[in-house]
Amino acid sequence: MISGRYTLRWKTYFDELGAALAEGREPKTFDWFAMEDEWVRTHRSSITKPTGDIIPIARTVLAMIQSS
């Protein structure tokens, strides 16, 4: 979801903000609901089952917490 929906949202926002600043105008408004609704309806499903081994990751996080 981070690399899909949110990437689309932030790229759209910052592209428009950059264009507005370059052109000296107010940024356009977006119908975020319509844009995201289309994404939800046309995007493939996200992975719902975990993959990989969580134990090494948990040990790394624990070591970071204990060292701080």
PDB file of N, CA and C in Angstrom:
ATOM      1  N   MET A   1       0.818  -1.188   0.000  1.00  0.00           N
ATOM      2  CA  MET A   1       0.000   0.000   0.000  1.00  0.00           C
ATOM      3  C   MET A   1       0.869   1.264   0.000  1.00  0.00           C
ATOM      4  N   ILE A   2       1.962   1.217   0.729  1.00  0.00           N
ATOM      5  CA  ILE A   2       2.848   2.379   0.773  1.00  0.00           C
ATOM      6  C   ILE A   2       3.395   2.676  -0.610  1.00  0.00           C
ATOM      7  N   SER A   3       3.823   1.632  -1.307  1.00  0.00           N
ATOM      8  CA  SER A   3       4.418   1.854  -2.628  1.00  0.00           C
ATOM      9  C   SER A   3       3.374   2.026  -3.722  1.00  0.00           C
ATOM     10  N   GLY A   4       2.125   1.941  -3.390  1.00  0.00           N
ATOM     11  CA  GLY A   4       1.070   2.081  -4.389  1.00  0.00           C
ATOM     12  C   GLY A   4       0.223   3.310  -4.182  1.00  0.00           C
ATOM     13  N   ARG A   5      -0.764   3.180  -3.331  1.00  0.00           N
ATOM     14  CA  ARG A   5      -1.723   4.266  -3.132  1.00  0.00           C
ATOM     15  C   ARG A   5      -1.070   5.531  -2.590  1.00  0.00           C
ATOM     16  N   TYR A   6      -0.254   5.391  -1.580  1.00  0.00           N
ATOM     17  CA  TYR A   6       0.348   6.583  -0.992  1.00  0.00           C
ATOM     18  C   TYR A   6       1.373   7.216  -1.914  1.00  0.00           C
ATOM     19  N   THR A   7       2.094   6.402  -2.678  1.00  0.00           N
ATOM     20  CA  THR A   7       3.021   6.964  -3.670  1.00  0.00           C
ATOM     21  C   THR A   7       2.259   7.798  -4.677  1.00  0.00           C
ATOM     22  N   LEU A   8       1.146   7.288  -5.171  1.00  0.00           N
ATOM     23  CA  LEU A   8       0.316   8.032  -6.123  1.00  0.00           C
ATOM     24  C   LEU A   8      -0.165   9.347  -5.506  1.00  0.00           C
ATOM     25  N   ARG A   9      -0.640   9.288  -4.281  1.00  0.00           N
ATOM     26  CA  ARG A   9      -1.168  10.481  -3.609  1.00  0.00           C
ATOM     27  C   ARG A   9      -0.086  11.551  -3.462  1.00  0.00           C
ATOM     28  N   TRP A  10       1.065  11.173  -2.903  1.00  0.00           N
ATOM     29  CA  TRP A  10       2.111  12.150  -2.653  1.00  0.00           C
ATOM     30  C   TRP A  10       2.768  12.644  -3.937  1.00  0.00           C
ATOM     31  N   LYS A  11       2.946  11.760  -4.924  1.00  0.00           N
ATOM     32  CA  LYS A  11       3.519  12.196  -6.199  1.00  0.00           C
ATOM     33  C   LYS A  11       2.587  13.199  -6.870  1.00  0.00           C
ATOM     34  N   THR A  12       1.316  12.930  -6.876  1.00  0.00           N
ATOM     35  CA  THR A  12       0.337  13.855  -7.460  1.00  0.00           C
ATOM     36  C   THR A  12       0.396  15.201  -6.756  1.00  0.00           C
ATOM     37  N   TYR A  13       0.402  15.176  -5.441  1.00  0.00           N
ATOM     38  CA  TYR A  13       0.419  16.408  -4.655  1.00  0.00           C
ATOM     39  C   TYR A  13       1.689  17.219  -4.919  1.00  0.00           C
ATOM     40  N   PHE A  14       2.858  16.578  -4.805  1.00  0.00           N
ATOM     41  CA  PHE A  14       4.106  17.318  -4.957  1.00  0.00           C
ATOM     42  C   PHE A  14       4.361  17.746  -6.394  1.00  0.00           C
ATOM     43  N   ASP A  15       3.939  16.953  -7.378  1.00  0.00           N
ATOM     44  CA  ASP A  15       4.055  17.382  -8.773  1.00  0.00           C
ATOM     45  C   ASP A  15       3.245  18.652  -9.006  1.00  0.00           C
ATOM     46  N   GLU A  16       2.030  18.687  -8.484  1.00  0.00           N
ATOM     47  CA  GLU A  16       1.187  19.875  -8.650  1.00  0.00           C
ATOM     48  C   GLU A  16       1.736  21.054  -7.860  1.00  0.00           C
ATOM     49  N   LEU A  17       2.218  20.807  -6.667  1.00  0.00           N
ATOM     50  CA  LEU A  17       2.793  21.877  -5.866  1.00  0.00           C
ATOM     51  C   LEU A  17       4.009  22.488  -6.568  1.00  0.00           C
ATOM     52  N   GLY A  18       4.868  21.649  -7.117  1.00  0.00           N
ATOM     53  CA  GLY A  18       6.035  22.132  -7.850  1.00  0.00           C
ATOM     54  C   GLY A  18       5.645  22.945  -9.077  1.00  0.00           C
ATOM     55  N   ALA A  19       4.649  22.464  -9.814  1.00  0.00           N
ATOM     56  CA  ALA A  19       4.187  23.189 -11.004  1.00  0.00           C
ATOM     57  C   ALA A  19       3.593  24.538 -10.608  1.00  0.00           C
ATOM     58  N   ALA A  20       2.803  24.551  -9.547  1.00  0.00           N
ATOM     59  CA  ALA A  20       2.182  25.800  -9.093  1.00  0.00           C
ATOM     60  C   ALA A  20       3.235  26.812  -8.658  1.00  0.00           C
ATOM     61  N   LEU A  21       4.243  26.364  -7.942  1.00  0.00           N
ATOM     62  CA  LEU A  21       5.314  27.268  -7.518  1.00  0.00           C
ATOM     63  C   LEU A  21       6.082  27.800  -8.722  1.00  0.00           C
ATOM     64  N   ALA A  22       6.370  26.934  -9.687  1.00  0.00           N
ATOM     65  CA  ALA A  22       7.109  27.349 -10.883  1.00  0.00           C
ATOM     66  C   ALA A  22       6.316  28.351 -11.719  1.00  0.00           C
ATOM     67  N   GLU A  23       4.995  28.203 -11.711  1.00  0.00           N
ATOM     68  CA  GLU A  23       4.140  29.067 -12.528  1.00  0.00           C
ATOM     69  C   GLU A  23       3.573  30.248 -11.741  1.00  0.00           C
ATOM     70  N   GLY A  24       3.875  30.327 -10.451  1.00  0.00           N
ATOM     71  CA  GLY A  24       3.403  31.434  -9.625  1.00  0.00           C
ATOM     72  C   GLY A  24       1.898  31.464  -9.434  1.00  0.00           C
ATOM     73  N   ARG A  25       1.315  30.302  -9.230  1.00  0.00           N
ATOM     74  CA  ARG A  25      -0.137  30.220  -9.046  1.00  0.00           C
ATOM     75  C   ARG A  25      -0.460  29.345  -7.838  1.00  0.00           C
ATOM     76  N   GLU A  26      -1.712  29.360  -7.459  1.00  0.00           N
ATOM     77  CA  GLU A  26      -2.181  28.483  -6.386  1.00  0.00           C
ATOM     78  C   GLU A  26      -2.241  27.044  -6.907  1.00  0.00           C
ATOM     79  N   PRO A  27      -1.940  26.067  -6.068  1.00  0.00           N
ATOM     80  CA  PRO A  27      -2.065  24.669  -6.495  1.00  0.00           C
ATOM     81  C   PRO A  27      -3.522  24.312  -6.787  1.00  0.00           C
ATOM     82  N   LYS A  28      -3.702  23.428  -7.744  1.00  0.00           N
ATOM     83  CA  LYS A  28      -5.046  22.923  -8.044  1.00  0.00           C
ATOM     84  C   LYS A  28      -5.519  22.072  -6.874  1.00  0.00           C
ATOM     85  N   THR A  29      -6.826  21.964  -6.735  1.00  0.00           N
ATOM     86  CA  THR A  29      -7.375  21.059  -5.733  1.00  0.00           C
ATOM     87  C   THR A  29      -7.631  19.711  -6.389  1.00  0.00           C
ATOM     88  N   PHE A  30      -7.648  18.688  -5.583  1.00  0.00           N
ATOM     89  CA  PHE A  30      -7.855  17.334  -6.094  1.00  0.00           C
ATOM     90  C   PHE A  30      -9.059  16.707  -5.420  1.00  0.00           C
ATOM     91  N   ASP A  31      -9.725  15.864  -6.154  1.00  0.00           N
ATOM     92  CA  ASP A  31     -10.771  15.026  -5.580  1.00  0.00           C
ATOM     93  C   ASP A  31     -10.073  13.739  -5.154  1.00  0.00           C
ATOM     94  N   TRP A  32      -9.498  13.772  -3.962  1.00  0.00           N
ATOM     95  CA  TRP A  32      -8.714  12.639  -3.491  1.00  0.00           C
ATOM     96  C   TRP A  32      -9.556  11.369  -3.413  1.00  0.00           C
ATOM     97  N   PHE A  33     -10.816  11.511  -3.017  1.00  0.00           N
ATOM     98  CA  PHE A  33     -11.656  10.325  -2.917  1.00  0.00           C
ATOM     99  C   PHE A  33     -11.789   9.654  -4.277  1.00  0.00           C
ATOM    100  N   ALA A  34     -12.077  10.423  -5.310  1.00  0.00           N
ATOM    101  CA  ALA A  34     -12.259   9.849  -6.652  1.00  0.00           C
ATOM    102  C   ALA A  34     -10.974   9.187  -7.141  1.00  0.00           C
ATOM    103  N   MET A  35      -9.847   9.850  -6.916  1.00  0.00           N
ATOM    104  CA  MET A  35      -8.573   9.295  -7.363  1.00  0.00           C
ATOM    105  C   MET A  35      -8.267   7.984  -6.630  1.00  0.00           C
ATOM    106  N   GLU A  36      -8.456   7.979  -5.327  1.00  0.00           N
ATOM    107  CA  GLU A  36      -8.151   6.780  -4.556  1.00  0.00           C
ATOM    108  C   GLU A  36      -9.178   5.686  -4.778  1.00  0.00           C
ATOM    109  N   ASP A  37     -10.423   6.067  -5.000  1.00  0.00           N
ATOM    110  CA  ASP A  37     -11.457   5.076  -5.292  1.00  0.00           C
ATOM    111  C   ASP A  37     -11.117   4.345  -6.584  1.00  0.00           C
ATOM    112  N   GLU A  38     -10.667   5.084  -7.583  1.00  0.00           N
ATOM    113  CA  GLU A  38     -10.265   4.446  -8.849  1.00  0.00           C
ATOM    114  C   GLU A  38      -9.087   3.509  -8.620  1.00  0.00           C
ATOM    115  N   TRP A  39      -8.125   3.949  -7.810  1.00  0.00           N
ATOM    116  CA  TRP A  39      -6.966   3.104  -7.527  1.00  0.00           C
ATOM    117  C   TRP A  39      -7.393   1.809  -6.850  1.00  0.00           C
ATOM    118  N   VAL A  40      -8.285   1.922  -5.863  1.00  0.00           N
ATOM    119  CA  VAL A  40      -8.749   0.739  -5.134  1.00  0.00           C
ATOM    120  C   VAL A  40      -9.460  -0.232  -6.076  1.00  0.00           C
ATOM    121  N   ARG A  41     -10.234   0.301  -6.996  1.00  0.00           N
ATOM    122  CA  ARG A  41     -11.009  -0.559  -7.899  1.00  0.00           C
ATOM    123  C   ARG A  41     -10.173  -1.192  -8.999  1.00  0.00           C
ATOM    124  N   THR A  42      -9.037  -0.597  -9.336  1.00  0.00           N
ATOM    125  CA  THR A  42      -8.247  -1.107 -10.459  1.00  0.00           C
ATOM    126  C   THR A  42      -6.926  -1.739 -10.032  1.00  0.00           C
ATOM    127  N   HIS A  43      -6.520  -1.564  -8.779  1.00  0.00           N
ATOM    128  CA  HIS A  43      -5.232  -2.069  -8.325  1.00  0.00           C
ATOM    129  C   HIS A  43      -5.360  -3.508  -7.851  1.00  0.00           C
ATOM    130  N   ARG A  44      -4.285  -4.245  -8.054  1.00  0.00           N
ATOM    131  CA  ARG A  44      -4.292  -5.645  -7.590  1.00  0.00           C
ATOM    132  C   ARG A  44      -4.360  -5.686  -6.064  1.00  0.00           C
ATOM    133  N   SER A  45      -4.767  -6.771  -5.549  1.00  0.00           N
ATOM    134  CA  SER A  45      -4.871  -6.935  -4.106  1.00  0.00           C
ATOM    135  C   SER A  45      -3.499  -6.874  -3.457  1.00  0.00           C
ATOM    136  N   SER A  46      -3.464  -6.390  -2.252  1.00  0.00           N
ATOM    137  CA  SER A  46      -2.223  -6.361  -1.485  1.00  0.00           C
ATOM    138  C   SER A  46      -1.995  -7.718  -0.840  1.00  0.00           C
ATOM    139  N   ILE A  47      -0.748  -7.986  -0.531  1.00  0.00           N
ATOM    140  CA  ILE A  47      -0.401  -9.231   0.140  1.00  0.00           C
ATOM    141  C   ILE A  47      -1.010  -9.208   1.534  1.00  0.00           C
ATOM    142  N   THR A  48      -1.693 -10.279   1.889  1.00  0.00           N
ATOM    143  CA  THR A  48      -2.328 -10.339   3.202  1.00  0.00           C
ATOM    144  C   THR A  48      -1.693 -11.372   4.114  1.00  0.00           C
ATOM    145  N   LYS A  49      -0.762 -12.161   3.579  1.00  0.00           N
ATOM    146  CA  LYS A  49      -0.079 -13.155   4.397  1.00  0.00           C
ATOM    147  C   LYS A  49       1.375 -12.735   4.536  1.00  0.00           C
ATOM    148  N   PRO A  50       1.914 -12.834   5.753  1.00  0.00           N
ATOM    149  CA  PRO A  50       3.313 -12.452   5.946  1.00  0.00           C
ATOM    150  C   PRO A  50       4.249 -13.377   5.187  1.00  0.00           C
ATOM    151  N   THR A  51       5.399 -12.838   4.818  1.00  0.00           N
ATOM    152  CA  THR A  51       6.433 -13.636   4.173  1.00  0.00           C
ATOM    153  C   THR A  51       7.742 -13.408   4.901  1.00  0.00           C
ATOM    154  N   GLY A  52       8.645 -14.330   4.765  1.00  0.00           N
ATOM    155  CA  GLY A  52       9.952 -14.187   5.383  1.00  0.00           C
ATOM    156  C   GLY A  52       9.970 -14.660   6.826  1.00  0.00           C
ATOM    157  N   ASP A  53      11.114 -14.461   7.459  1.00  0.00           N
ATOM    158  CA  ASP A  53      11.328 -14.907   8.833  1.00  0.00           C
ATOM    159  C   ASP A  53      11.390 -13.693   9.751  1.00  0.00           C
ATOM    160  N   ILE A  54      10.436 -13.550  10.626  1.00  0.00           N
ATOM    161  CA  ILE A  54      10.328 -12.390  11.504  1.00  0.00           C
ATOM    162  C   ILE A  54      11.332 -12.425  12.663  1.00  0.00           C
ATOM    163  N   ILE A  55      11.841 -13.583  12.998  1.00  0.00           N
ATOM    164  CA  ILE A  55      12.736 -13.718  14.161  1.00  0.00           C
ATOM    165  C   ILE A  55      13.997 -12.856  14.015  1.00  0.00           C
ATOM    166  N   PRO A  56      14.725 -12.911  12.897  1.00  0.00           N
ATOM    167  CA  PRO A  56      15.907 -12.047  12.774  1.00  0.00           C
ATOM    168  C   PRO A  56      15.557 -10.554  12.845  1.00  0.00           C
ATOM    169  N   ILE A  57      14.449 -10.187  12.294  1.00  0.00           N
ATOM    170  CA  ILE A  57      14.017  -8.791  12.341  1.00  0.00           C
ATOM    171  C   ILE A  57      13.717  -8.387  13.775  1.00  0.00           C
ATOM    172  N   ALA A  58      13.005  -9.243  14.512  1.00  0.00           N
ATOM    173  CA  ALA A  58      12.683  -8.953  15.910  1.00  0.00           C
ATOM    174  C   ALA A  58      13.954  -8.846  16.750  1.00  0.00           C
ATOM    175  N   ARG A  59      14.931  -9.698  16.481  1.00  0.00           N
ATOM    176  CA  ARG A  59      16.195  -9.629  17.235  1.00  0.00           C
ATOM    177  C   ARG A  59      16.930  -8.321  16.945  1.00  0.00           C
ATOM    178  N   THR A  60      16.909  -7.879  15.700  1.00  0.00           N
ATOM    179  CA  THR A  60      17.554  -6.617  15.329  1.00  0.00           C
ATOM    180  C   THR A  60      16.881  -5.443  16.028  1.00  0.00           C
ATOM    181  N   VAL A  61      15.558  -5.441  16.034  1.00  0.00           N
ATOM    182  CA  VAL A  61      14.822  -4.368  16.695  1.00  0.00           C
ATOM    183  C   VAL A  61      15.097  -4.376  18.196  1.00  0.00           C
ATOM    184  N   LEU A  62      15.093  -5.546  18.804  1.00  0.00           N
ATOM    185  CA  LEU A  62      15.367  -5.654  20.227  1.00  0.00           C
ATOM    186  C   LEU A  62      16.774  -5.138  20.553  1.00  0.00           C
ATOM    187  N   ALA A  63      17.753  -5.505  19.742  1.00  0.00           N
ATOM    188  CA  ALA A  63      19.115  -5.030  19.963  1.00  0.00           C
ATOM    189  C   ALA A  63      19.189  -3.511  19.848  1.00  0.00           C
ATOM    190  N   MET A  64      18.483  -2.930  18.906  1.00  0.00           N
ATOM    191  CA  MET A  64      18.460  -1.474  18.750  1.00  0.00           C
ATOM    192  C   MET A  64      17.838  -0.795  19.968  1.00  0.00           C
ATOM    193  N   ILE A  65      16.757  -1.376  20.468  1.00  0.00           N
ATOM    194  CA  ILE A  65      16.085  -0.815  21.632  1.00  0.00           C
ATOM    195  C   ILE A  65      16.976  -0.910  22.864  1.00  0.00           C
ATOM    196  N   GLN A  66      17.604  -2.043  23.029  1.00  0.00           N
ATOM    197  CA  GLN A  66      18.449  -2.239  24.211  1.00  0.00           C
ATOM    198  C   GLN A  66      19.704  -1.363  24.175  1.00  0.00           C
ATOM    199  N   SER A  67      20.182  -1.006  22.985  1.00  0.00           N
ATOM    200  CA  SER A  67      21.393  -0.185  22.900  1.00  0.00           C
ATOM    201  C   SER A  67      21.114   1.299  23.003  1.00  0.00           C
ATOM    202  N   SER A  68      19.858   1.689  22.986  1.00  0.00           N
ATOM    203  CA  SER A  68      19.554   3.135  23.052  1.00  0.00           C
ATOM    204  C   SER A  68      19.312   3.619  24.458  1.00  0.00           C
TER     205      SER A  68
END
